[in-house]
Amino acid sequence: SSITQQYVKNALLEEGRIADDNEKIKRATEQTIARKINEARYAI
């Protein structure tokens, strides 16, 4: 993961924490290829 991808992951995770949304937190941290692809998409 590039710094940009890590920034995306942390930003999505923080968004879930602030909103107290467990589903967002789960999506931001799950160990899946789908999450990696989504991070790459946002990084672009």
ModelCIF file with pLDDT and N, C-alpha, C, O atoms, coordinates in Angstrom:
data_MODEL
#
_entry.id   MODEL 
#
_entity.id                         1 
_entity.type                       polymer 
_entity.pdbx_number_of_molecules   1 
#
_entity_poly.entity_id                      1 
_entity_poly.type                           'polypeptide(L)' 
_entity_poly.nstd_linkage                   no 
_entity_poly.nstd_monomer                   no 
_entity_poly.pdbx_seq_one_letter_code       SSITQQYVKNALLEEGRIADDNEKIKRATEQTIARKINEARYAI 
_entity_poly.pdbx_seq_one_letter_code_can   SSITQQYVKNALLEEGRIADDNEKIKRATEQTIARKINEARYAI 
_entity_poly.pdbx_strand_id                 A 
#
loop_
_entity_poly_seq.entity_id 
_entity_poly_seq.num 
_entity_poly_seq.mon_id 
_entity_poly_seq.hetero 
1 1  SER n 
1 2  SER n 
1 3  ILE n 
1 4  THR n 
1 5  GLN n 
1 6  GLN n 
1 7  TYR n 
1 8  VAL n 
1 9  LYS n 
1 10 ASN n 
1 11 ALA n 
1 12 LEU n 
1 13 LEU n 
1 14 GLU n 
1 15 GLU n 
1 16 GLY n 
1 17 ARG n 
1 18 ILE n 
1 19 ALA n 
1 20 ASP n 
1 21 ASP n 
1 22 ASN n 
1 23 GLU n 
1 24 LYS n 
1 25 ILE n 
1 26 LYS n 
1 27 ARG n 
1 28 ALA n 
1 29 THR n 
1 30 GLU n 
1 31 GLN n 
1 32 THR n 
1 33 ILE n 
1 34 ALA n 
1 35 ARG n 
1 36 LYS n 
1 37 ILE n 
1 38 ASN n 
1 39 GLU n 
1 40 ALA n 
1 41 ARG n 
1 42 TYR n 
1 43 ALA n 
1 44 ILE n 
#
_struct_asym.id          A 
_struct_asym.entity_id   1 
#
loop_
_ma_qa_metric.id 
_ma_qa_metric.mode 
_ma_qa_metric.name 
_ma_qa_metric.software_group_id 
_ma_qa_metric.type 
1 global pLDDT . pLDDT 
2 local  pLDDT . pLDDT 
#
_ma_qa_metric_global.metric_id      1 
_ma_qa_metric_global.metric_value   87.07 
_ma_qa_metric_global.model_id       1 
_ma_qa_metric_global.ordinal_id     1 
#
loop_
_ma_qa_metric_local.label_asym_id 
_ma_qa_metric_local.label_comp_id 
_ma_qa_metric_local.label_seq_id 
_ma_qa_metric_local.metric_id 
_ma_qa_metric_local.metric_value 
_ma_qa_metric_local.model_id 
_ma_qa_metric_local.ordinal_id 
A SER 1  2 87.00 1 1  
A SER 2  2 93.00 1 2  
A ILE 3  2 95.00 1 3  
A THR 4  2 94.00 1 4  
A GLN 5  2 93.00 1 5  
A GLN 6  2 93.00 1 6  
A TYR 7  2 94.00 1 7  
A VAL 8  2 93.00 1 8  
A LYS 9  2 91.00 1 9  
A ASN 10 2 91.00 1 10 
A ALA 11 2 91.00 1 11 
A LEU 12 2 89.00 1 12 
A LEU 13 2 88.00 1 13 
A GLU 14 2 88.00 1 14 
A GLU 15 2 86.00 1 15 
A GLY 16 2 86.00 1 16 
A ARG 17 2 84.00 1 17 
A ILE 18 2 81.00 1 18 
A ALA 19 2 80.00 1 19 
A ASP 20 2 81.00 1 20 
A ASP 21 2 84.00 1 21 
A ASN 22 2 88.00 1 22 
A GLU 23 2 88.00 1 23 
A LYS 24 2 86.00 1 24 
A ILE 25 2 87.00 1 25 
A LYS 26 2 88.00 1 26 
A ARG 27 2 86.00 1 27 
A ALA 28 2 86.00 1 28 
A THR 29 2 84.00 1 29 
A GLU 30 2 86.00 1 30 
A GLN 31 2 83.00 1 31 
A THR 32 2 83.00 1 32 
A ILE 33 2 82.00 1 33 
A ALA 34 2 80.00 1 34 
A ARG 35 2 83.00 1 35 
A LYS 36 2 83.00 1 36 
A ILE 37 2 85.00 1 37 
A ASN 38 2 83.00 1 38 
A GLU 39 2 85.00 1 39 
A ALA 40 2 87.00 1 40 
A ARG 41 2 87.00 1 41 
A TYR 42 2 88.00 1 42 
A ALA 43 2 91.00 1 43 
A ILE 44 2 90.00 1 44 
#
loop_
_atom_site.group_PDB 
_atom_site.id 
_atom_site.type_symbol 
_atom_site.label_atom_id 
_atom_site.label_alt_id 
_atom_site.label_comp_id 
_atom_site.label_asym_id 
_atom_site.label_entity_id 
_atom_site.label_seq_id 
_atom_site.pdbx_PDB_ins_code 
_atom_site.Cartn_x 
_atom_site.Cartn_y 
_atom_site.Cartn_z 
_atom_site.occupancy 
_atom_site.B_iso_or_equiv 
_atom_site.pdbx_formal_charge 
_atom_site.auth_seq_id 
_atom_site.auth_comp_id 
_atom_site.auth_asym_id 
_atom_site.auth_atom_id 
_atom_site.pdbx_PDB_model_num 
ATOM 1   N N  . SER A 1 1  ? 0.828   -1.199  0.000  1.00 87.00 ? 1  SER A N  1 
ATOM 2   C CA . SER A 1 1  ? 0.000   0.000   0.000  1.00 87.00 ? 1  SER A CA 1 
ATOM 3   C C  . SER A 1 1  ? 0.865   1.254   0.000  1.00 87.00 ? 1  SER A C  1 
ATOM 4   O O  . SER A 1 1  ? 1.810   1.374   0.780  1.00 87.00 ? 1  SER A O  1 
ATOM 5   N N  . SER A 1 2  ? 0.527   2.180   -0.884 1.00 93.00 ? 2  SER A N  1 
ATOM 6   C CA . SER A 1 2  ? 1.215   3.463   -0.918 1.00 93.00 ? 2  SER A CA 1 
ATOM 7   C C  . SER A 1 2  ? 0.733   4.330   0.240  1.00 93.00 ? 2  SER A C  1 
ATOM 8   O O  . SER A 1 2  ? -0.242  3.991   0.910  1.00 93.00 ? 2  SER A O  1 
ATOM 9   N N  . ILE A 1 3  ? 1.419   5.452   0.475  1.00 95.00 ? 3  ILE A N  1 
ATOM 10  C CA . ILE A 1 3  ? 0.970   6.387   1.502  1.00 95.00 ? 3  ILE A CA 1 
ATOM 11  C C  . ILE A 1 3  ? -0.419  6.900   1.167  1.00 95.00 ? 3  ILE A C  1 
ATOM 12  O O  . ILE A 1 3  ? -1.239  7.103   2.063  1.00 95.00 ? 3  ILE A O  1 
ATOM 13  N N  . THR A 1 4  ? -0.690  7.112   -0.109 1.00 94.00 ? 4  THR A N  1 
ATOM 14  C CA . THR A 1 4  ? -2.021  7.579   -0.523 1.00 94.00 ? 4  THR A CA 1 
ATOM 15  C C  . THR A 1 4  ? -3.087  6.558   -0.169 1.00 94.00 ? 4  THR A C  1 
ATOM 16  O O  . THR A 1 4  ? -4.156  6.924   0.320  1.00 94.00 ? 4  THR A O  1 
ATOM 17  N N  . GLN A 1 5  ? -2.810  5.277   -0.410 1.00 93.00 ? 5  GLN A N  1 
ATOM 18  C CA . GLN A 1 5  ? -3.770  4.234   -0.053 1.00 93.00 ? 5  GLN A CA 1 
ATOM 19  C C  . GLN A 1 5  ? -3.953  4.145   1.464  1.00 93.00 ? 5  GLN A C  1 
ATOM 20  O O  . GLN A 1 5  ? -5.064  3.932   1.948  1.00 93.00 ? 5  GLN A O  1 
ATOM 21  N N  . GLN A 1 6  ? -2.863  4.309   2.205  1.00 93.00 ? 6  GLN A N  1 
ATOM 22  C CA . GLN A 1 6  ? -2.969  4.285   3.666  1.00 93.00 ? 6  GLN A CA 1 
ATOM 23  C C  . GLN A 1 6  ? -3.758  5.491   4.175  1.00 93.00 ? 6  GLN A C  1 
ATOM 24  O O  . GLN A 1 6  ? -4.516  5.386   5.140  1.00 93.00 ? 6  GLN A O  1 
ATOM 25  N N  . TYR A 1 7  ? -3.573  6.633   3.519  1.00 94.00 ? 7  TYR A N  1 
ATOM 26  C CA . TYR A 1 7  ? -4.351  7.828   3.871  1.00 94.00 ? 7  TYR A CA 1 
ATOM 27  C C  . TYR A 1 7  ? -5.841  7.557   3.658  1.00 94.00 ? 7  TYR A C  1 
ATOM 28  O O  . TYR A 1 7  ? -6.672  7.908   4.495  1.00 94.00 ? 7  TYR A O  1 
ATOM 29  N N  . VAL A 1 8  ? -6.164  6.930   2.530  1.00 93.00 ? 8  VAL A N  1 
ATOM 30  C CA . VAL A 1 8  ? -7.561  6.592   2.230  1.00 93.00 ? 8  VAL A CA 1 
ATOM 31  C C  . VAL A 1 8  ? -8.127  5.663   3.296  1.00 93.00 ? 8  VAL A C  1 
ATOM 32  O O  . VAL A 1 8  ? -9.217  5.900   3.815  1.00 93.00 ? 8  VAL A O  1 
ATOM 33  N N  . LYS A 1 9  ? -7.379  4.598   3.625  1.00 91.00 ? 9  LYS A N  1 
ATOM 34  C CA . LYS A 1 9  ? -7.848  3.645   4.635  1.00 91.00 ? 9  LYS A CA 1 
ATOM 35  C C  . LYS A 1 9  ? -8.114  4.341   5.966  1.00 91.00 ? 9  LYS A C  1 
ATOM 36  O O  . LYS A 1 9  ? -9.170  4.156   6.571  1.00 91.00 ? 9  LYS A O  1 
ATOM 37  N N  . ASN A 1 10 ? -7.146  5.146   6.421  1.00 91.00 ? 10 ASN A N  1 
ATOM 38  C CA . ASN A 1 10 ? -7.303  5.831   7.707  1.00 91.00 ? 10 ASN A CA 1 
ATOM 39  C C  . ASN A 1 10 ? -8.439  6.840   7.684  1.00 91.00 ? 10 ASN A C  1 
ATOM 40  O O  . ASN A 1 10 ? -9.139  7.013   8.681  1.00 91.00 ? 10 ASN A O  1 
ATOM 41  N N  . ALA A 1 11 ? -8.628  7.514   6.534  1.00 91.00 ? 11 ALA A N  1 
ATOM 42  C CA . ALA A 1 11 ? -9.703  8.496   6.421  1.00 91.00 ? 11 ALA A CA 1 
ATOM 43  C C  . ALA A 1 11 ? -11.074 7.816   6.478  1.00 91.00 ? 11 ALA A C  1 
ATOM 44  O O  . ALA A 1 11 ? -11.987 8.312   7.137  1.00 91.00 ? 11 ALA A O  1 
ATOM 45  N N  . LEU A 1 12 ? -11.216 6.688   5.790  1.00 89.00 ? 12 LEU A N  1 
ATOM 46  C CA . LEU A 1 12 ? -12.480 5.949   5.819  1.00 89.00 ? 12 LEU A CA 1 
ATOM 47  C C  . LEU A 1 12 ? -12.747 5.374   7.206  1.00 89.00 ? 12 LEU A C  1 
ATOM 48  O O  . LEU A 1 12 ? -13.886 5.352   7.673  1.00 89.00 ? 12 LEU A O  1 
ATOM 49  N N  . LEU A 1 13 ? -11.684 4.909   7.857  1.00 88.00 ? 13 LEU A N  1 
ATOM 50  C CA . LEU A 1 13 ? -11.805 4.376   9.217  1.00 88.00 ? 13 LEU A CA 1 
ATOM 51  C C  . LEU A 1 13 ? -12.227 5.478   10.181 1.00 88.00 ? 13 LEU A C  1 
ATOM 52  O O  . LEU A 1 13 ? -13.102 5.268   11.022 1.00 88.00 ? 13 LEU A O  1 
ATOM 53  N N  . GLU A 1 14 ? -11.613 6.645   10.065 1.00 88.00 ? 14 GLU A N  1 
ATOM 54  C CA . GLU A 1 14 ? -11.948 7.776   10.932 1.00 88.00 ? 14 GLU A CA 1 
ATOM 55  C C  . GLU A 1 14 ? -13.387 8.240   10.699 1.00 88.00 ? 14 GLU A C  1 
ATOM 56  O O  . GLU A 1 14 ? -14.087 8.618   11.638 1.00 88.00 ? 14 GLU A O  1 
ATOM 57  N N  . GLU A 1 15 ? -13.813 8.207   9.449  1.00 86.00 ? 15 GLU A N  1 
ATOM 58  C CA . GLU A 1 15 ? -15.189 8.567   9.120  1.00 86.00 ? 15 GLU A CA 1 
ATOM 59  C C  . GLU A 1 15 ? -16.170 7.641   9.842  1.00 86.00 ? 15 GLU A C  1 
ATOM 60  O O  . GLU A 1 15 ? -17.187 8.086   10.372 1.00 86.00 ? 15 GLU A O  1 
ATOM 61  N N  . GLY A 1 16 ? -15.846 6.346   9.852  1.00 86.00 ? 16 GLY A N  1 
ATOM 62  C CA . GLY A 1 16 ? -16.691 5.383   10.551 1.00 86.00 ? 16 GLY A CA 1 
ATOM 63  C C  . GLY A 1 16 ? -16.695 5.592   12.051 1.00 86.00 ? 16 GLY A C  1 
ATOM 64  O O  . GLY A 1 16 ? -17.733 5.446   12.695 1.00 86.00 ? 16 GLY A O  1 
ATOM 65  N N  . ARG A 1 17 ? -15.534 5.936   12.620 1.00 84.00 ? 17 ARG A N  1 
ATOM 66  C CA . ARG A 1 17 ? -15.445 6.165   14.067 1.00 84.00 ? 17 ARG A CA 1 
ATOM 67  C C  . ARG A 1 17 ? -16.263 7.391   14.482 1.00 84.00 ? 17 ARG A C  1 
ATOM 68  O O  . ARG A 1 17 ? -17.003 7.352   15.465 1.00 84.00 ? 17 ARG A O  1 
ATOM 69  N N  . ILE A 1 18 ? -16.120 8.481   13.717 1.00 81.00 ? 18 ILE A N  1 
ATOM 70  C CA . ILE A 1 18 ? -16.830 9.715   14.050 1.00 81.00 ? 18 ILE A CA 1 
ATOM 71  C C  . ILE A 1 18 ? -18.337 9.508   13.960 1.00 81.00 ? 18 ILE A C  1 
ATOM 72  O O  . ILE A 1 18 ? -19.097 10.017  14.785 1.00 81.00 ? 18 ILE A O  1 
ATOM 73  N N  . ALA A 1 19 ? -18.757 8.755   12.947 1.00 80.00 ? 19 ALA A N  1 
ATOM 74  C CA . ALA A 1 19 ? -20.188 8.491   12.762 1.00 80.00 ? 19 ALA A CA 1 
ATOM 75  C C  . ALA A 1 19 ? -20.687 7.365   13.665 1.00 80.00 ? 19 ALA A C  1 
ATOM 76  O O  . ALA A 1 19 ? -21.884 7.082   13.710 1.00 80.00 ? 19 ALA A O  1 
ATOM 77  N N  . ASP A 1 20 ? -19.750 6.717   14.392 1.00 81.00 ? 20 ASP A N  1 
ATOM 78  C CA . ASP A 1 20 ? -20.076 5.556   15.226 1.00 81.00 ? 20 ASP A CA 1 
ATOM 79  C C  . ASP A 1 20 ? -20.789 4.490   14.398 1.00 81.00 ? 20 ASP A C  1 
ATOM 80  O O  . ASP A 1 20 ? -21.770 3.885   14.829 1.00 81.00 ? 20 ASP A O  1 
ATOM 81  N N  . ASP A 1 21 ? -20.256 4.282   13.186 1.00 84.00 ? 21 ASP A N  1 
ATOM 82  C CA . ASP A 1 21 ? -20.842 3.348   12.228 1.00 84.00 ? 21 ASP A CA 1 
ATOM 83  C C  . ASP A 1 21 ? -19.944 2.112   12.141 1.00 84.00 ? 21 ASP A C  1 
ATOM 84  O O  . ASP A 1 21 ? -18.907 2.137   11.477 1.00 84.00 ? 21 ASP A O  1 
ATOM 85  N N  . ASN A 1 22 ? -20.344 1.040   12.808 1.00 88.00 ? 22 ASN A N  1 
ATOM 86  C CA . ASN A 1 22 ? -19.532 -0.181  12.843 1.00 88.00 ? 22 ASN A CA 1 
ATOM 87  C C  . ASN A 1 22 ? -19.374 -0.820  11.473 1.00 88.00 ? 22 ASN A C  1 
ATOM 88  O O  . ASN A 1 22 ? -18.359 -1.462  11.199 1.00 88.00 ? 22 ASN A O  1 
ATOM 89  N N  . GLU A 1 23 ? -20.378 -0.647  10.605 1.00 88.00 ? 23 GLU A N  1 
ATOM 90  C CA . GLU A 1 23 ? -20.310 -1.228  9.273  1.00 88.00 ? 23 GLU A CA 1 
ATOM 91  C C  . GLU A 1 23 ? -19.216 -0.537  8.452  1.00 88.00 ? 23 GLU A C  1 
ATOM 92  O O  . GLU A 1 23 ? -18.474 -1.198  7.725  1.00 88.00 ? 23 GLU A O  1 
ATOM 93  N N  . LYS A 1 24 ? -19.115 0.800   8.568  1.00 86.00 ? 24 LYS A N  1 
ATOM 94  C CA . LYS A 1 24 ? -18.058 1.530   7.865  1.00 86.00 ? 24 LYS A CA 1 
ATOM 95  C C  . LYS A 1 24 ? -16.684 1.137   8.392  1.00 86.00 ? 24 LYS A C  1 
ATOM 96  O O  . LYS A 1 24 ? -15.737 0.970   7.624  1.00 86.00 ? 24 LYS A O  1 
ATOM 97  N N  . ILE A 1 25 ? -16.587 0.991   9.702  1.00 87.00 ? 25 ILE A N  1 
ATOM 98  C CA . ILE A 1 25 ? -15.322 0.597   10.311 1.00 87.00 ? 25 ILE A CA 1 
ATOM 99  C C  . ILE A 1 25 ? -14.910 -0.783  9.816  1.00 87.00 ? 25 ILE A C  1 
ATOM 100 O O  . ILE A 1 25 ? -13.742 -1.015  9.505  1.00 87.00 ? 25 ILE A O  1 
ATOM 101 N N  . LYS A 1 26 ? -15.869 -1.693  9.744  1.00 88.00 ? 26 LYS A N  1 
ATOM 102 C CA . LYS A 1 26 ? -15.594 -3.047  9.273  1.00 88.00 ? 26 LYS A CA 1 
ATOM 103 C C  . LYS A 1 26 ? -15.108 -3.043  7.828  1.00 88.00 ? 26 LYS A C  1 
ATOM 104 O O  . LYS A 1 26 ? -14.145 -3.729  7.487  1.00 88.00 ? 26 LYS A O  1 
ATOM 105 N N  . ARG A 1 27 ? -15.786 -2.261  6.976  1.00 86.00 ? 27 ARG A N  1 
ATOM 106 C CA . ARG A 1 27 ? -15.403 -2.199  5.563  1.00 86.00 ? 27 ARG A CA 1 
ATOM 107 C C  . ARG A 1 27 ? -14.007 -1.607  5.382  1.00 86.00 ? 27 ARG A C  1 
ATOM 108 O O  . ARG A 1 27 ? -13.279 -1.984  4.464  1.00 86.00 ? 27 ARG A O  1 
ATOM 109 N N  . ALA A 1 28 ? -13.639 -0.674  6.268  1.00 86.00 ? 28 ALA A N  1 
ATOM 110 C CA . ALA A 1 28 ? -12.342 0.000   6.149  1.00 86.00 ? 28 ALA A CA 1 
ATOM 111 C C  . ALA A 1 28 ? -11.181 -0.863  6.628  1.00 86.00 ? 28 ALA A C  1 
ATOM 112 O O  . ALA A 1 28 ? -10.028 -0.572  6.309  1.00 86.00 ? 28 ALA A O  1 
ATOM 113 N N  . THR A 1 29 ? -11.465 -1.924  7.393  1.00 84.00 ? 29 THR A N  1 
ATOM 114 C CA . THR A 1 29 ? -10.399 -2.722  7.997  1.00 84.00 ? 29 THR A CA 1 
ATOM 115 C C  . THR A 1 29 ? -10.413 -4.196  7.583  1.00 84.00 ? 29 THR A C  1 
ATOM 116 O O  . THR A 1 29 ? -9.473  -4.925  7.901  1.00 84.00 ? 29 THR A O  1 
ATOM 117 N N  . GLU A 1 30 ? -11.442 -4.644  6.889  1.00 86.00 ? 30 GLU A N  1 
ATOM 118 C CA . GLU A 1 30 ? -11.528 -6.057  6.557  1.00 86.00 ? 30 GLU A CA 1 
ATOM 119 C C  . GLU A 1 30 ? -10.393 -6.473  5.618  1.00 86.00 ? 30 GLU A C  1 
ATOM 120 O O  . GLU A 1 30 ? -9.998  -5.713  4.734  1.00 86.00 ? 30 GLU A O  1 
ATOM 121 N N  . GLN A 1 31 ? -9.881  -7.673  5.816  1.00 83.00 ? 31 GLN A N  1 
ATOM 122 C CA . GLN A 1 31 ? -8.775  -8.193  5.022  1.00 83.00 ? 31 GLN A CA 1 
ATOM 123 C C  . GLN A 1 31 ? -9.303  -8.900  3.786  1.00 83.00 ? 31 GLN A C  1 
ATOM 124 O O  . GLN A 1 31 ? -9.328  -10.129 3.727  1.00 83.00 ? 31 GLN A O  1 
ATOM 125 N N  . THR A 1 32 ? -9.724  -8.120  2.801  1.00 83.00 ? 32 THR A N  1 
ATOM 126 C CA . THR A 1 32 ? -10.272 -8.684  1.566  1.00 83.00 ? 32 THR A CA 1 
ATOM 127 C C  . THR A 1 32 ? -9.677  -7.979  0.355  1.00 83.00 ? 32 THR A C  1 
ATOM 128 O O  . THR A 1 32 ? -9.185  -6.855  0.453  1.00 83.00 ? 32 THR A O  1 
ATOM 129 N N  . ILE A 1 33 ? -9.729  -8.654  -0.784 1.00 82.00 ? 33 ILE A N  1 
ATOM 130 C CA . ILE A 1 33 ? -9.278  -8.047  -2.030 1.00 82.00 ? 33 ILE A CA 1 
ATOM 131 C C  . ILE A 1 33 ? -10.184 -6.881  -2.398 1.00 82.00 ? 33 ILE A C  1 
ATOM 132 O O  . ILE A 1 33 ? -9.720  -5.884  -2.951 1.00 82.00 ? 33 ILE A O  1 
ATOM 133 N N  . ALA A 1 34 ? -11.471 -6.999  -2.095 1.00 80.00 ? 34 ALA A N  1 
ATOM 134 C CA . ALA A 1 34 ? -12.420 -5.925  -2.402 1.00 80.00 ? 34 ALA A CA 1 
ATOM 135 C C  . ALA A 1 34 ? -12.009 -4.622  -1.725 1.00 80.00 ? 34 ALA A C  1 
ATOM 136 O O  . ALA A 1 34 ? -12.090 -3.549  -2.323 1.00 80.00 ? 34 ALA A O  1 
ATOM 137 N N  . ARG A 1 35 ? -11.562 -4.726  -0.454 1.00 83.00 ? 35 ARG A N  1 
ATOM 138 C CA . ARG A 1 35 ? -11.134 -3.520  0.252  1.00 83.00 ? 35 ARG A CA 1 
ATOM 139 C C  . ARG A 1 35 ? -9.896  -2.926  -0.388 1.00 83.00 ? 35 ARG A C  1 
ATOM 140 O O  . ARG A 1 35 ? -9.789  -1.707  -0.521 1.00 83.00 ? 35 ARG A O  1 
ATOM 141 N N  . LYS A 1 36 ? -8.963  -3.771  -0.784 1.00 83.00 ? 36 LYS A N  1 
ATOM 142 C CA . LYS A 1 36 ? -7.740  -3.300  -1.427 1.00 83.00 ? 36 LYS A CA 1 
ATOM 143 C C  . LYS A 1 36 ? -8.056  -2.582  -2.741 1.00 83.00 ? 36 LYS A C  1 
ATOM 144 O O  . LYS A 1 36 ? -7.471  -1.544  -3.051 1.00 83.00 ? 36 LYS A O  1 
ATOM 145 N N  . ILE A 1 37 ? -8.979  -3.147  -3.499 1.00 85.00 ? 37 ILE A N  1 
ATOM 146 C CA . ILE A 1 37 ? -9.362  -2.534  -4.767 1.00 85.00 ? 37 ILE A CA 1 
ATOM 147 C C  . ILE A 1 37 ? -10.030 -1.187  -4.520 1.00 85.00 ? 37 ILE A C  1 
ATOM 148 O O  . ILE A 1 37 ? -9.767  -0.216  -5.231 1.00 85.00 ? 37 ILE A O  1 
ATOM 149 N N  . ASN A 1 38 ? -10.894 -1.132  -3.510 1.00 83.00 ? 38 ASN A N  1 
ATOM 150 C CA . ASN A 1 38 ? -11.577 0.125   -3.205 1.00 83.00 ? 38 ASN A CA 1 
ATOM 151 C C  . ASN A 1 38 ? -10.582 1.199   -2.765 1.00 83.00 ? 38 ASN A C  1 
ATOM 152 O O  . ASN A 1 38 ? -10.721 2.363   -3.140 1.00 83.00 ? 38 ASN A O  1 
ATOM 153 N N  . GLU A 1 39 ? -9.577  0.812   -1.969 1.00 85.00 ? 39 GLU A N  1 
ATOM 154 C CA . GLU A 1 39 ? -8.543  1.759   -1.549 1.00 85.00 ? 39 GLU A CA 1 
ATOM 155 C C  . GLU A 1 39 ? -7.774  2.284   -2.755 1.00 85.00 ? 39 GLU A C  1 
ATOM 156 O O  . GLU A 1 39 ? -7.487  3.477   -2.846 1.00 85.00 ? 39 GLU A O  1 
ATOM 157 N N  . ALA A 1 40 ? -7.442  1.383   -3.683 1.00 87.00 ? 40 ALA A N  1 
ATOM 158 C CA . ALA A 1 40 ? -6.713  1.796   -4.879 1.00 87.00 ? 40 ALA A CA 1 
ATOM 159 C C  . ALA A 1 40 ? -7.558  2.755   -5.717 1.00 87.00 ? 40 ALA A C  1 
ATOM 160 O O  . ALA A 1 40 ? -7.050  3.729   -6.273 1.00 87.00 ? 40 ALA A O  1 
ATOM 161 N N  . ARG A 1 41 ? -8.839  2.465   -5.794 1.00 87.00 ? 41 ARG A N  1 
ATOM 162 C CA . ARG A 1 41 ? -9.780  3.309   -6.549 1.00 87.00 ? 41 ARG A CA 1 
ATOM 163 C C  . ARG A 1 41 ? -9.832  4.714   -5.965 1.00 87.00 ? 41 ARG A C  1 
ATOM 164 O O  . ARG A 1 41 ? -9.752  5.701   -6.697 1.00 87.00 ? 41 ARG A O  1 
ATOM 165 N N  . TYR A 1 42 ? -9.966  4.798   -4.654 1.00 88.00 ? 42 TYR A N  1 
ATOM 166 C CA . TYR A 1 42 ? -9.987  6.095   -3.989 1.00 88.00 ? 42 TYR A CA 1 
ATOM 167 C C  . TYR A 1 42 ? -8.637  6.801   -4.110 1.00 88.00 ? 42 TYR A C  1 
ATOM 168 O O  . TYR A 1 42 ? -8.585  8.022   -4.260 1.00 88.00 ? 42 TYR A O  1 
ATOM 169 N N  . ALA A 1 43 ? -7.550  6.037   -4.045 1.00 91.00 ? 43 ALA A N  1 
ATOM 170 C CA . ALA A 1 43 ? -6.218  6.632   -4.122 1.00 91.00 ? 43 ALA A CA 1 
ATOM 171 C C  . ALA A 1 43 ? -6.016  7.368   -5.443 1.00 91.00 ? 43 ALA A C  1 
ATOM 172 O O  . ALA A 1 43 ? -5.422  8.445   -5.479 1.00 91.00 ? 43 ALA A O  1 
ATOM 173 N N  . ILE A 1 44 ? -6.513  6.780   -6.519 1.00 90.00 ? 44 ILE A N  1 
ATOM 174 C CA . ILE A 1 44 ? -6.426  7.431   -7.830 1.00 90.00 ? 44 ILE A CA 1 
ATOM 175 C C  . ILE A 1 44 ? -7.161  8.767   -7.799 1.00 90.00 ? 44 ILE A C  1 
ATOM 176 O O  . ILE A 1 44 ? -7.204  9.472   -8.807 1.00 90.00 ? 44 ILE A O  1 
#
